[in-house]
Amino acid sequence: MKLDISTVIGLVLAILIVFGLMGHNLGLFWSMHAFIVVVGGLIASTFVKFSIEDIMNTMAILSKLFKIPKEHPKEIIEQIINCSNIARKEGILALEKVQIHHPVLKTAITFCVDGVDPAYLREILTKEMEYMQIRHHVGVVMFESMGEAGPAMGMVGTLIGMVELLSNLSNPDAIGPSMATALLATMYGAIVANIVVIPFGIKLHHYSTHESVIYELVMDGVQGIQRGVNPRILEKSLISALSRKHRELTA
């Protein structure tokens, strides 16, 4: 997979904007107490809501958010049409020799060569797609919950800071640090939620949608091959999944 430059650009821009607005007084915007309350509370909240297995699975998926999917739907369609042409000319068994790298398409073609019924093939791949969506949904929900917990823990830090402030009104030297902790906790919560976890959740949802489109293309395409649909007609059917720009490039 190639590096998803948009994720990197977004994170770098966000960091530059935040630190740029802070100016040269970065020390004023650092509070260990606020950081512990927000980040520590966020992590603790996540462990309470989800199992260790769910958290580890989501962390494994996290690396995909920085990578562009290896194969575009357009490339999957091209491989399907190539298989369709071979099957039409040489028979379905000839597909056994075709080199296919995408795991879903490779599995579907293997079932096709083995003579699996088209309806049963769709049932198998539909189940596999649904399980994939469930796994990804857990990750999306996890990031969404972290997005909610970030500002909430920031508010907790703010309340702690306000309690310290009100309990030390007789000590002017303690008022400033307490107020700083209160305000910085809110700021940390907003930054973590809106720059990191919520965008990651949305991007994971887009990744899951991309994978679902691939599954649908493979199911429709391989069923077309099994039923002997003309490759040109099959291609016109499949390219409906592409944007107008990519349809023109395919034509």
Protein backbone atom coordinates (compact mmCIF):
# COMPACT_ATOMS: atom_id res chain seq x y z
CA MET A 1 0.00 0.00 0.00
CA LYS A 2 1.09 3.58 -0.68
CA LEU A 3 1.27 6.22 2.02
CA ASP A 4 -1.97 8.18 2.35
CA ILE A 5 -0.51 11.65 2.08
CA SER A 6 -3.80 13.34 3.01
CA THR A 7 -3.67 11.88 6.54
CA VAL A 8 -0.10 13.09 6.98
CA ILE A 9 -0.89 16.54 5.56
CA GLY A 10 -3.92 16.91 7.82
CA LEU A 11 -2.03 15.98 10.98
CA VAL A 12 0.99 18.13 10.12
CA LEU A 13 -1.20 21.14 9.27
CA ALA A 14 -3.14 20.75 12.51
CA ILE A 15 0.07 20.59 14.54
CA LEU A 16 1.55 23.62 12.75
CA ILE A 17 -1.63 25.66 13.24
CA VAL A 18 -1.94 24.82 16.94
CA PHE A 19 1.73 25.42 17.75
CA GLY A 20 1.80 28.47 15.48
CA LEU A 21 -1.02 30.10 17.42
CA MET A 22 0.79 29.34 20.67
CA GLY A 23 3.72 31.41 19.44
CA HIS A 24 7.00 31.28 21.31
CA ASN A 25 5.44 30.74 24.72
CA LEU A 26 4.92 26.99 24.40
CA GLY A 27 5.66 26.50 28.08
CA LEU A 28 2.50 28.40 28.97
CA PHE A 29 0.42 25.78 27.18
CA TRP A 30 1.85 22.75 28.93
CA SER A 31 0.32 21.20 32.03
CA MET A 32 1.21 17.68 33.11
CA HIS A 33 -1.86 17.54 35.35
CA ALA A 34 -4.20 18.46 32.48
CA PHE A 35 -2.45 16.01 30.13
CA ILE A 36 -2.78 13.14 32.61
CA VAL A 37 -6.45 13.85 33.24
CA VAL A 38 -7.35 14.03 29.53
CA VAL A 39 -5.13 11.35 27.99
CA GLY A 40 -5.16 9.04 30.99
CA GLY A 41 -8.90 9.41 31.41
CA LEU A 42 -9.42 8.80 27.69
CA ILE A 43 -7.40 5.59 27.77
CA ALA A 44 -9.08 4.39 30.97
CA SER A 45 -12.52 5.09 29.53
CA THR A 46 -11.68 3.12 26.38
CA PHE A 47 -10.52 0.10 28.38
CA VAL A 48 -13.74 0.14 30.39
CA LYS A 49 -15.91 0.29 27.25
CA PHE A 50 -14.08 -2.28 25.10
CA SER A 51 -12.30 -5.59 25.56
CA ILE A 52 -8.55 -6.01 25.22
CA GLU A 53 -9.11 -7.98 22.01
CA ASP A 54 -11.21 -5.18 20.47
CA ILE A 55 -8.58 -2.59 21.39
CA MET A 56 -5.72 -4.66 19.95
CA ASN A 57 -7.66 -5.35 16.74
CA THR A 58 -8.39 -1.65 16.31
CA MET A 59 -4.75 -0.75 16.90
CA ALA A 60 -3.82 -3.25 14.17
CA ILE A 61 -6.28 -1.59 11.76
CA LEU A 62 -4.93 1.85 12.71
CA SER A 63 -1.90 1.48 10.44
CA LYS A 64 -4.23 1.21 7.43
CA LEU A 65 -5.42 4.77 8.05
CA PHE A 66 -2.01 5.98 6.85
CA LYS A 67 -2.06 3.90 3.67
CA ILE A 68 -4.00 4.09 0.42
CA PRO A 69 -5.69 0.76 -0.43
CA LYS A 70 -3.41 -1.19 -2.76
CA GLU A 71 -6.04 -1.79 -5.44
CA HIS A 72 -8.67 0.64 -6.68
CA PRO A 73 -12.11 -0.71 -7.69
CA LYS A 74 -11.15 0.16 -11.28
CA GLU A 75 -8.24 -2.29 -11.09
CA ILE A 76 -10.47 -4.99 -9.60
CA ILE A 77 -12.91 -4.55 -12.49
CA GLU A 78 -10.07 -4.87 -14.99
CA GLN A 79 -8.95 -8.14 -13.38
CA ILE A 80 -12.52 -9.47 -13.37
CA ILE A 81 -13.00 -8.64 -17.06
CA ASN A 82 -9.68 -10.27 -17.86
CA CYS A 83 -10.86 -13.43 -16.07
CA SER A 84 -14.19 -13.19 -17.91
CA ASN A 85 -12.45 -13.07 -21.29
CA ILE A 86 -10.26 -16.06 -20.40
CA ALA A 87 -13.24 -18.07 -19.12
CA ARG A 88 -15.23 -17.26 -22.26
CA LYS A 89 -12.42 -18.36 -24.59
CA GLU A 90 -10.81 -21.24 -22.69
CA GLY A 91 -13.38 -22.27 -20.09
CA ILE A 92 -13.69 -21.57 -16.36
CA LEU A 93 -11.02 -24.16 -15.45
CA ALA A 94 -8.44 -22.01 -17.26
CA LEU A 95 -8.83 -19.41 -14.48
CA GLU A 96 -6.88 -21.72 -12.20
CA LYS A 97 -3.67 -20.56 -13.89
CA VAL A 98 -4.45 -16.82 -13.64
CA GLN A 99 -2.29 -14.90 -11.16
CA ILE A 100 -4.55 -12.88 -8.85
CA HIS A 101 -3.16 -10.89 -5.91
CA HIS A 102 -6.27 -9.48 -4.24
CA PRO A 103 -7.29 -12.05 -1.57
CA VAL A 104 -11.06 -11.62 -1.97
CA LEU A 105 -11.01 -11.96 -5.76
CA LYS A 106 -8.55 -14.84 -5.52
CA THR A 107 -10.87 -16.69 -3.12
CA ALA A 108 -13.90 -16.05 -5.32
CA ILE A 109 -12.12 -17.28 -8.47
CA THR A 110 -10.97 -20.41 -6.61
CA PHE A 111 -14.58 -21.15 -5.65
CA CYS A 112 -15.60 -20.45 -9.22
CA VAL A 113 -13.05 -22.96 -10.58
CA ASP A 114 -14.20 -25.52 -8.02
CA GLY A 115 -17.72 -25.25 -9.41
CA VAL A 116 -19.38 -23.66 -6.38
CA ASP A 117 -22.99 -22.66 -7.04
CA PRO A 118 -23.29 -18.88 -7.78
CA ALA A 119 -25.91 -18.37 -5.07
CA TYR A 120 -23.79 -20.18 -2.48
CA LEU A 121 -20.70 -18.24 -3.56
CA ARG A 122 -22.53 -14.95 -2.97
CA GLU A 123 -23.71 -16.23 0.40
CA ILE A 124 -20.14 -17.06 1.46
CA LEU A 125 -18.68 -13.73 0.36
CA THR A 126 -21.63 -11.79 1.84
CA LYS A 127 -21.00 -13.40 5.22
CA GLU A 128 -17.28 -12.60 4.95
CA MET A 129 -18.10 -8.98 4.07
CA GLU A 130 -20.52 -8.67 6.97
CA TYR A 131 -17.93 -9.97 9.44
CA MET A 132 -15.40 -7.51 8.04
CA GLN A 133 -17.91 -4.68 8.49
CA ILE A 134 -18.56 -5.76 12.07
CA ARG A 135 -14.83 -5.70 12.87
CA HIS A 136 -14.44 -2.27 11.34
CA HIS A 137 -17.62 -1.03 13.04
CA VAL A 138 -16.11 -1.81 16.43
CA GLY A 139 -13.13 0.38 15.52
CA VAL A 140 -15.36 3.21 14.28
CA VAL A 141 -17.46 3.08 17.47
CA MET A 142 -14.28 3.03 19.55
CA PHE A 143 -12.95 6.21 17.93
CA GLU A 144 -16.36 7.86 18.18
CA SER A 145 -16.52 7.07 21.89
CA MET A 146 -13.00 8.44 22.35
CA GLY A 147 -14.11 11.57 20.52
CA GLU A 148 -16.88 11.98 23.07
CA ALA A 149 -14.66 11.12 26.03
CA GLY A 150 -11.90 13.62 25.09
CA PRO A 151 -13.89 16.82 25.70
CA ALA A 152 -15.64 15.16 28.66
CA MET A 153 -12.30 14.40 30.34
CA GLY A 154 -11.23 17.93 29.47
CA MET A 155 -14.26 19.16 31.41
CA VAL A 156 -13.25 16.93 34.34
CA GLY A 157 -9.81 18.54 34.30
CA THR A 158 -11.45 21.96 34.17
CA LEU A 159 -13.59 21.16 37.21
CA ILE A 160 -10.55 19.90 39.10
CA GLY A 161 -8.72 23.11 38.28
CA MET A 162 -11.69 25.22 39.38
CA VAL A 163 -11.91 23.35 42.70
CA GLU A 164 -8.21 24.00 43.30
CA LEU A 165 -8.69 27.63 42.34
CA LEU A 166 -11.65 28.19 44.67
CA SER A 167 -9.92 26.41 47.54
CA ASN A 168 -6.89 28.68 47.23
CA LEU A 169 -8.49 32.09 46.82
CA SER A 170 -6.57 33.23 49.88
CA ASN A 171 -3.31 32.38 48.10
CA PRO A 172 -2.88 34.58 44.99
CA ASP A 173 0.15 32.55 43.82
CA ALA A 174 -1.99 29.40 43.45
CA ILE A 175 -4.80 30.99 41.48
CA GLY A 176 -2.85 31.28 38.21
CA PRO A 177 -1.66 27.64 37.99
CA SER A 178 -5.10 26.33 38.96
CA MET A 179 -6.82 28.41 36.29
CA ALA A 180 -4.21 27.33 33.74
CA THR A 181 -4.87 23.66 34.51
CA ALA A 182 -8.59 24.23 34.15
CA LEU A 183 -8.32 25.91 30.75
CA LEU A 184 -5.60 23.66 29.35
CA ALA A 185 -7.57 20.51 30.17
CA THR A 186 -10.46 21.78 28.06
CA MET A 187 -8.05 22.67 25.25
CA TYR A 188 -6.33 19.27 25.32
CA GLY A 189 -9.68 17.48 25.22
CA ALA A 190 -10.85 19.49 22.21
CA ILE A 191 -7.57 18.98 20.33
CA VAL A 192 -7.40 15.22 20.89
CA ALA A 193 -11.05 14.76 19.91
CA ASN A 194 -11.20 16.95 16.81
CA ILE A 195 -7.73 16.46 15.35
CA VAL A 196 -7.05 12.81 16.11
CA VAL A 197 -9.74 10.38 17.23
CA ILE A 198 -12.86 11.67 15.44
CA PRO A 199 -11.05 12.09 12.07
CA PHE A 200 -9.53 8.61 12.50
CA GLY A 201 -12.98 7.14 13.08
CA ILE A 202 -14.35 8.80 9.95
CA LYS A 203 -11.38 7.62 7.89
CA LEU A 204 -11.79 4.06 9.16
CA HIS A 205 -15.43 4.22 8.06
CA HIS A 206 -14.32 5.29 4.56
CA TYR A 207 -11.80 2.43 4.49
CA SER A 208 -14.52 -0.04 5.45
CA THR A 209 -16.79 1.32 2.72
CA HIS A 210 -14.00 0.87 0.16
CA GLU A 211 -13.59 -2.77 1.20
CA SER A 212 -17.35 -3.35 0.96
CA VAL A 213 -17.37 -1.99 -2.60
CA ILE A 214 -14.60 -4.43 -3.51
CA TYR A 215 -16.63 -7.33 -2.10
CA GLU A 216 -19.72 -6.26 -4.07
CA LEU A 217 -17.73 -5.97 -7.30
CA VAL A 218 -16.17 -9.39 -6.81
CA MET A 219 -19.52 -11.02 -6.07
CA ASP A 220 -21.24 -9.46 -9.08
CA GLY A 221 -18.26 -10.04 -11.36
CA VAL A 222 -17.63 -13.69 -10.51
CA GLN A 223 -21.32 -14.50 -10.70
CA GLY A 224 -21.32 -12.93 -14.16
CA ILE A 225 -18.39 -15.17 -15.14
CA GLN A 226 -20.16 -18.27 -13.82
CA ARG A 227 -23.29 -17.43 -15.77
CA GLY A 228 -21.39 -16.75 -18.98
CA VAL A 229 -22.28 -13.06 -19.25
CA ASN A 230 -20.59 -11.31 -22.19
CA PRO A 231 -17.45 -9.55 -20.85
CA ARG A 232 -18.43 -6.21 -22.40
CA ILE A 233 -21.88 -6.34 -20.83
CA LEU A 234 -20.36 -7.41 -17.51
CA GLU A 235 -17.93 -4.49 -17.63
CA LYS A 236 -20.72 -1.98 -18.27
CA SER A 237 -22.54 -3.44 -15.28
CA LEU A 238 -19.54 -3.23 -12.96
CA ILE A 239 -18.29 0.27 -13.85
CA SER A 240 -21.47 1.73 -12.34
CA ALA A 241 -19.54 1.49 -9.05
CA LEU A 242 -16.96 3.99 -10.34
CA SER A 243 -17.07 7.77 -10.37
CA ARG A 244 -17.74 9.47 -13.72
CA LYS A 245 -14.04 10.37 -13.99
CA HIS A 246 -12.90 6.77 -13.60
CA ARG A 247 -15.65 5.54 -15.92
CA GLU A 248 -14.25 7.79 -18.65
CA LEU A 249 -10.73 6.46 -18.02
CA THR A 250 -12.04 2.89 -18.26
CA ALA A 251 -13.96 3.52 -21.49
